[in-house]
Protein backbone atom coordinates (compact mmCIF):
# COMPACT_ATOMS: atom_id res chain seq x y z
CA MET A 1 99.01 108.59 82.56
CA ARG A 2 99.06 111.86 80.73
CA MET A 3 102.23 113.12 82.22
CA SER A 4 104.05 110.31 80.36
CA GLU A 5 102.09 110.51 77.12
CA GLY A 6 104.80 112.47 75.36
CA ALA A 7 107.57 110.00 76.42
CA GLU A 8 105.36 107.12 75.27
CA ARG A 9 104.65 108.58 71.93
CA ALA A 10 108.41 109.26 71.45
CA LEU A 11 109.18 105.72 72.21
CA ILE A 12 106.75 104.45 69.65
CA SER A 13 108.10 106.84 67.11
CA ASP A 14 111.70 105.59 67.88
CA TYR A 15 110.87 101.94 67.55
CA ALA A 16 108.35 101.94 64.68
CA HIS A 17 109.69 101.88 61.07
CA ALA A 18 108.77 105.17 59.09
CA ASN A 19 106.23 103.44 56.99
CA GLU A 20 104.59 101.66 59.98
CA ARG A 21 104.38 104.62 62.40
CA GLY A 22 100.64 105.12 61.72
CA ILE A 23 99.79 101.53 62.43
CA ALA A 24 101.97 101.64 65.68
CA PHE A 25 100.24 104.85 66.82
CA GLY A 26 96.85 103.16 66.04
CA TRP A 27 97.66 100.18 68.08
CA TYR A 28 98.82 102.39 70.99
CA HIS A 29 95.48 104.41 70.91
CA LEU A 30 93.47 101.25 70.69
CA ALA A 31 95.17 99.69 73.68
CA ASN A 32 95.10 103.04 75.56
CA GLY A 33 91.31 103.40 74.96
CA ILE A 34 90.42 99.82 75.87
CA ALA A 35 92.26 100.15 79.19
CA THR A 36 90.77 103.55 79.94
CA ILE A 37 87.16 102.30 79.28
CA ARG A 38 87.74 99.32 81.59
CA ALA A 39 89.09 101.36 84.32
CA GLY A 40 86.32 103.85 84.02
CA LEU A 41 83.69 101.09 84.10
CA LEU A 42 85.27 99.47 87.11
CA PHE A 43 85.49 102.69 89.01
CA GLY A 44 81.95 103.63 88.08
CA THR A 45 80.50 100.31 89.04
CA ILE A 46 82.21 100.34 92.55
CA GLY A 47 81.33 104.02 93.01
CA HIS A 48 77.68 103.34 92.07
CA PHE A 49 77.13 100.30 94.21
CA TYR A 50 79.36 101.17 97.19
CA SER A 51 80.81 104.61 97.40
CA ALA A 52 83.38 106.85 95.45
CA ALA A 53 85.85 106.40 98.42
CA ASP A 54 85.62 102.56 97.94
CA GLY A 55 86.26 103.02 94.14
CA VAL A 56 89.35 105.16 94.88
CA TYR A 57 90.61 102.64 97.44
CA VAL A 58 90.18 99.66 95.05
CA CYS A 59 91.97 101.55 92.23
CA TRP A 60 94.74 102.65 94.59
CA ARG A 61 95.20 99.09 95.79
CA ALA A 62 95.19 97.68 92.29
CA GLY A 63 97.92 100.15 91.32
CA HIS A 64 100.09 99.09 94.19
CA PHE A 65 99.58 95.41 93.23
CA CYS A 66 100.48 96.05 89.61
CA GLY A 67 103.61 97.97 90.68
CA ALA A 68 104.66 95.33 93.00
CA THR A 69 104.08 92.73 90.42
CA PHE A 70 106.11 94.44 87.77
CA THR A 71 108.84 95.12 90.28
CA CYS A 72 109.06 91.45 91.11
CA MET A 73 109.15 90.44 87.63
CA GLY A 74 111.97 92.90 86.91
CA LEU A 75 113.91 91.56 89.91
CA ALA A 76 113.26 88.01 88.77
CA CYS A 77 114.44 88.81 85.26
CA GLU A 78 117.67 90.45 86.58
CA THR A 79 118.52 87.53 88.82
CA SER A 80 117.80 84.88 86.30
CA TYR A 81 120.52 86.04 83.90
CA GLU A 82 123.25 86.43 86.53
CA GLU A 83 125.85 83.70 86.80
């Protein structure tokens, strides 16, 4: 996530109006913080009750599931607009 943070901030800066950039960055950091806390709690819980390797495996599988889901959603959007 940190490798793309500069690009994410540039995107927010491009799309937000000049007088609303502070609010846009605030929402970005709020969403980022909530997602990071939830991921840390999930990984920590699995690591505590099972093992760290199981936590890595679950997070790895969840990442693949999300990637496949977003890919399928993108393909569905592309094919639905074709005539």
